[in-house]
């Protein structure tokens, strides 16, 4: 995936004041959760990507890419304040949907959630995985 799209996605989530309010801060990270990250948080990773050459590729060098990204929501069940329970994850997931479906990420289109799992307990945390598919085009040199 183009690095600028991943960075724009992180910025979209990171800078949203409503999402910050739900998380207690701007805790949005690229990559898998590590011990150095603040919890609660949201992590973003690329899951997979397909690429298709458009008709007349030899002339225009245009490809349509369709990645799937995974956005994980993490909350600490040992925290004394919300979010700290499975039901606290749903408003966070709903806000992410709003941002991706209404606002979107520059130079992308056709956002849709393809799956979700959880929330389920994992190492004193509750975790929900959301997978989204979208499209973007690139022009090869």
C-alpha atoms as a PDB file:
ATOM      1  CA  UNK A   1       0.000   0.000   0.000  1.00  0.00           C
ATOM      2  CA  UNK A   2       1.128   3.519  -0.631  1.00  0.00           C
ATOM      3  CA  UNK A   3       2.655   4.832   2.593  1.00  0.00           C
ATOM      4  CA  UNK A   4       0.905   8.193   2.214  1.00  0.00           C
ATOM      5  CA  UNK A   5      -2.519   6.527   2.344  1.00  0.00           C
ATOM      6  CA  UNK A   6      -1.659   4.643   5.523  1.00  0.00           C
ATOM      7  CA  UNK A   7      -0.317   7.869   7.043  1.00  0.00           C
ATOM      8  CA  UNK A   8      -3.466   9.777   6.001  1.00  0.00           C
ATOM      9  CA  UNK A   9      -5.629   7.091   7.612  1.00  0.00           C
ATOM     10  CA  UNK A  10      -3.697   7.375  10.860  1.00  0.00           C
ATOM     11  CA  UNK A  11      -3.971  11.173  10.772  1.00  0.00           C
ATOM     12  CA  UNK A  12      -7.735  10.983  10.146  1.00  0.00           C
ATOM     13  CA  UNK A  13      -8.258   8.811  13.230  1.00  0.00           C
ATOM     14  CA  UNK A  14      -5.546  10.438  15.359  1.00  0.00           C
ATOM     15  CA  UNK A  15      -6.831  13.995  14.871  1.00  0.00           C
ATOM     16  CA  UNK A  16     -10.546  13.352  15.450  1.00  0.00           C
ATOM     17  CA  UNK A  17     -11.588  14.979  18.723  1.00  0.00           C
ATOM     18  CA  UNK A  18     -14.593  12.669  19.194  1.00  0.00           C
ATOM     19  CA  UNK A  19     -12.420   9.570  18.874  1.00  0.00           C
ATOM     20  CA  UNK A  20      -9.859  11.151  21.210  1.00  0.00           C
ATOM     21  CA  UNK A  21     -12.630  11.686  23.759  1.00  0.00           C
ATOM     22  CA  UNK A  22     -13.668   8.040  23.554  1.00  0.00           C
ATOM     23  CA  UNK A  23     -10.059   6.837  23.939  1.00  0.00           C
ATOM     24  CA  UNK A  24      -9.013   9.444  26.493  1.00  0.00           C
ATOM     25  CA  UNK A  25      -6.393  10.852  24.118  1.00  0.00           C
ATOM     26  CA  UNK A  26      -4.931  10.620  20.615  1.00  0.00           C
ATOM     27  CA  UNK A  27      -3.862   6.991  20.972  1.00  0.00           C
ATOM     28  CA  UNK A  28      -3.788   5.773  17.367  1.00  0.00           C
ATOM     29  CA  UNK A  29      -0.786   3.736  16.234  1.00  0.00           C
ATOM     30  CA  UNK A  30       0.479   2.121  13.037  1.00  0.00           C
ATOM     31  CA  UNK A  31       1.462  -1.499  13.604  1.00  0.00           C
ATOM     32  CA  UNK A  32       0.543  -4.174  16.113  1.00  0.00           C
ATOM     33  CA  UNK A  33       0.062  -3.352  19.785  1.00  0.00           C
ATOM     34  CA  UNK A  34       3.221  -3.419  21.859  1.00  0.00           C
ATOM     35  CA  UNK A  35       3.850  -2.873  25.552  1.00  0.00           C
ATOM     36  CA  UNK A  36       5.029   0.670  24.811  1.00  0.00           C
ATOM     37  CA  UNK A  37       1.625   1.764  23.545  1.00  0.00           C
ATOM     38  CA  UNK A  38      -0.951   3.442  25.724  1.00  0.00           C
ATOM     39  CA  UNK A  39      -4.112   1.419  26.335  1.00  0.00           C
ATOM     40  CA  UNK A  40      -6.873   2.149  25.439  1.00  0.00           C
ATOM     41  CA  UNK A  41      -5.753   2.588  21.860  1.00  0.00           C
ATOM     42  CA  UNK A  42      -6.399   1.852  18.222  1.00  0.00           C
ATOM     43  CA  UNK A  43      -3.829   0.108  16.015  1.00  0.00           C
ATOM     44  CA  UNK A  44      -3.794   0.003  12.208  1.00  0.00           C
ATOM     45  CA  UNK A  45      -2.121  -2.671  10.063  1.00  0.00           C
ATOM     46  CA  UNK A  46      -2.308  -3.655   6.431  1.00  0.00           C
ATOM     47  CA  UNK A  47      -3.888  -7.089   6.105  1.00  0.00           C
ATOM     48  CA  UNK A  48      -3.517  -7.783   2.367  1.00  0.00           C
ATOM     49  CA  UNK A  49      -3.818  -6.079  -1.004  1.00  0.00           C
ATOM     50  CA  UNK A  50      -4.764  -6.979  -4.550  1.00  0.00           C
ATOM     51  CA  UNK A  51      -3.826  -5.028  -7.655  1.00  0.00           C
ATOM     52  CA  UNK A  52      -5.483  -5.063 -11.076  1.00  0.00           C
ATOM     53  CA  UNK A  53      -4.251  -3.500 -14.284  1.00  0.00           C
ATOM     54  CA  UNK A  54      -6.875  -1.395 -16.000  1.00  0.00           C
ATOM     55  CA  UNK A  55      -7.842  -1.838 -19.628  1.00  0.00           C
ATOM     56  CA  UNK A  56      -5.214  -0.120 -21.824  1.00  0.00           C
ATOM     57  CA  UNK A  57      -2.609  -0.494 -19.074  1.00  0.00           C
ATOM     58  CA  UNK A  58       0.201  -0.441 -21.649  1.00  0.00           C
ATOM     59  CA  UNK A  59      -0.870   3.052 -22.689  1.00  0.00           C
ATOM     60  CA  UNK A  60      -1.966   4.654 -19.396  1.00  0.00           C
ATOM     61  CA  UNK A  61      -0.063   2.553 -16.778  1.00  0.00           C
ATOM     62  CA  UNK A  62      -2.991   2.720 -14.342  1.00  0.00           C
ATOM     63  CA  UNK A  63      -3.676   0.039 -11.732  1.00  0.00           C
ATOM     64  CA  UNK A  64      -6.549  -0.239  -9.285  1.00  0.00           C
ATOM     65  CA  UNK A  65      -5.510  -1.509  -5.866  1.00  0.00           C
ATOM     66  CA  UNK A  66      -7.851  -2.947  -3.266  1.00  0.00           C
ATOM     67  CA  UNK A  67      -6.228  -3.364   0.154  1.00  0.00           C
ATOM     68  CA  UNK A  68      -7.767  -4.700   3.315  1.00  0.00           C
ATOM     69  CA  UNK A  69      -6.652  -3.030   6.513  1.00  0.00           C
ATOM     70  CA  UNK A  70      -7.235  -4.143  10.065  1.00  0.00           C
ATOM     71  CA  UNK A  71      -8.049  -1.654  12.784  1.00  0.00           C
ATOM     72  CA  UNK A  72      -7.821  -3.096  16.285  1.00  0.00           C
ATOM     73  CA  UNK A  73      -9.418  -1.497  19.321  1.00  0.00           C
ATOM     74  CA  UNK A  74      -7.806  -2.275  22.676  1.00  0.00           C
ATOM     75  CA  UNK A  75      -9.189  -1.478  26.141  1.00  0.00           C
ATOM     76  CA  UNK A  76      -7.778  -2.422  29.546  1.00  0.00           C
ATOM     77  CA  UNK A  77     -10.177  -4.340  31.772  1.00  0.00           C
ATOM     78  CA  UNK A  78      -8.050  -3.393  34.811  1.00  0.00           C
ATOM     79  CA  UNK A  79      -8.568   0.333  34.279  1.00  0.00           C
ATOM     80  CA  UNK A  80     -10.821   2.082  36.789  1.00  0.00           C
ATOM     81  CA  UNK A  81     -12.247   4.385  34.137  1.00  0.00           C
ATOM     82  CA  UNK A  82     -13.911   3.753  30.790  1.00  0.00           C
ATOM     83  CA  UNK A  83     -13.146   2.487  28.275  1.00  0.00           C
ATOM     84  CA  UNK A  84     -12.474  -0.706  30.200  1.00  0.00           C
ATOM     85  CA  UNK A  85     -15.239  -3.123  29.203  1.00  0.00           C
ATOM     86  CA  UNK A  86     -16.414  -4.846  26.014  1.00  0.00           C
ATOM     87  CA  UNK A  87     -19.420  -2.526  25.688  1.00  0.00           C
ATOM     88  CA  UNK A  88     -17.057   0.489  25.676  1.00  0.00           C
ATOM     89  CA  UNK A  89     -15.564  -0.727  22.398  1.00  0.00           C
ATOM     90  CA  UNK A  90     -18.718  -0.330  20.319  1.00  0.00           C
ATOM     91  CA  UNK A  91     -18.863   3.508  20.387  1.00  0.00           C
ATOM     92  CA  UNK A  92     -15.203   3.554  19.308  1.00  0.00           C
ATOM     93  CA  UNK A  93     -15.939   1.163  16.424  1.00  0.00           C
ATOM     94  CA  UNK A  94     -18.970   3.243  15.436  1.00  0.00           C
ATOM     95  CA  UNK A  95     -16.886   6.434  15.353  1.00  0.00           C
ATOM     96  CA  UNK A  96     -14.253   4.766  13.174  1.00  0.00           C
ATOM     97  CA  UNK A  97     -17.024   3.722  10.762  1.00  0.00           C
ATOM     98  CA  UNK A  98     -18.292   7.312  10.617  1.00  0.00           C
ATOM     99  CA  UNK A  99     -14.830   8.655   9.864  1.00  0.00           C
ATOM    100  CA  UNK A 100     -14.073   6.127   7.144  1.00  0.00           C
ATOM    101  CA  UNK A 101     -17.500   6.077   5.478  1.00  0.00           C
ATOM    102  CA  UNK A 102     -18.365   9.791   5.684  1.00  0.00           C
ATOM    103  CA  UNK A 103     -15.003  11.548   5.649  1.00  0.00           C
ATOM    104  CA  UNK A 104     -12.792   8.951   4.013  1.00  0.00           C
ATOM    105  CA  UNK A 105      -9.120   9.168   3.259  1.00  0.00           C
ATOM    106  CA  UNK A 106      -7.811  11.397   0.458  1.00  0.00           C
ATOM    107  CA  UNK A 107      -7.319   9.589  -2.877  1.00  0.00           C
ATOM    108  CA  UNK A 108      -9.316   6.532  -1.792  1.00  0.00           C
ATOM    109  CA  UNK A 109     -12.844   5.327  -2.531  1.00  0.00           C
ATOM    110  CA  UNK A 110     -15.390   2.573  -1.820  1.00  0.00           C
ATOM    111  CA  UNK A 111     -14.741   2.052   1.892  1.00  0.00           C
ATOM    112  CA  UNK A 112     -16.604  -0.851   3.476  1.00  0.00           C
ATOM    113  CA  UNK A 113     -16.244  -2.992   6.558  1.00  0.00           C
ATOM    114  CA  UNK A 114     -15.703  -6.583   5.483  1.00  0.00           C
ATOM    115  CA  UNK A 115     -15.535  -8.214   8.913  1.00  0.00           C
ATOM    116  CA  UNK A 116     -15.260  -7.706  12.626  1.00  0.00           C
ATOM    117  CA  UNK A 117     -14.416 -10.013  15.471  1.00  0.00           C
ATOM    118  CA  UNK A 118     -14.678  -9.683  19.202  1.00  0.00           C
ATOM    119  CA  UNK A 119     -14.601  -8.081  21.530  1.00  0.00           C
ATOM    120  CA  UNK A 120     -12.754 -10.874  23.254  1.00  0.00           C
ATOM    121  CA  UNK A 121     -10.406 -11.003  26.257  1.00  0.00           C
ATOM    122  CA  UNK A 122      -6.674 -11.108  25.606  1.00  0.00           C
ATOM    123  CA  UNK A 123      -3.978 -10.626  28.289  1.00  0.00           C
ATOM    124  CA  UNK A 124      -6.124  -8.452  30.635  1.00  0.00           C
ATOM    125  CA  UNK A 125      -7.348  -6.502  27.609  1.00  0.00           C
ATOM    126  CA  UNK A 126     -10.485  -6.545  25.550  1.00  0.00           C
ATOM    127  CA  UNK A 127      -9.780  -6.479  21.830  1.00  0.00           C
ATOM    128  CA  UNK A 128     -11.949  -6.025  18.756  1.00  0.00           C
ATOM    129  CA  UNK A 129     -10.614  -6.393  15.214  1.00  0.00           C
ATOM    130  CA  UNK A 130     -12.277  -4.486  12.370  1.00  0.00           C
ATOM    131  CA  UNK A 131     -11.329  -5.151   8.743  1.00  0.00           C
ATOM    132  CA  UNK A 132     -12.025  -2.624   6.014  1.00  0.00           C
ATOM    133  CA  UNK A 133     -11.592  -2.811   2.269  1.00  0.00           C
ATOM    134  CA  UNK A 134     -11.216   0.199   0.018  1.00  0.00           C
ATOM    135  CA  UNK A 135      -9.812   1.116  -3.373  1.00  0.00           C
ATOM    136  CA  UNK A 136      -7.293   3.526  -4.816  1.00  0.00           C
ATOM    137  CA  UNK A 137      -5.564   3.913  -8.162  1.00  0.00           C
ATOM    138  CA  UNK A 138      -1.917   4.400  -8.985  1.00  0.00           C
ATOM    139  CA  UNK A 139      -0.122   5.295 -12.181  1.00  0.00           C
ATOM    140  CA  UNK A 140       3.076   3.348 -12.762  1.00  0.00           C
ATOM    141  CA  UNK A 141       6.133   5.146 -14.143  1.00  0.00           C
END
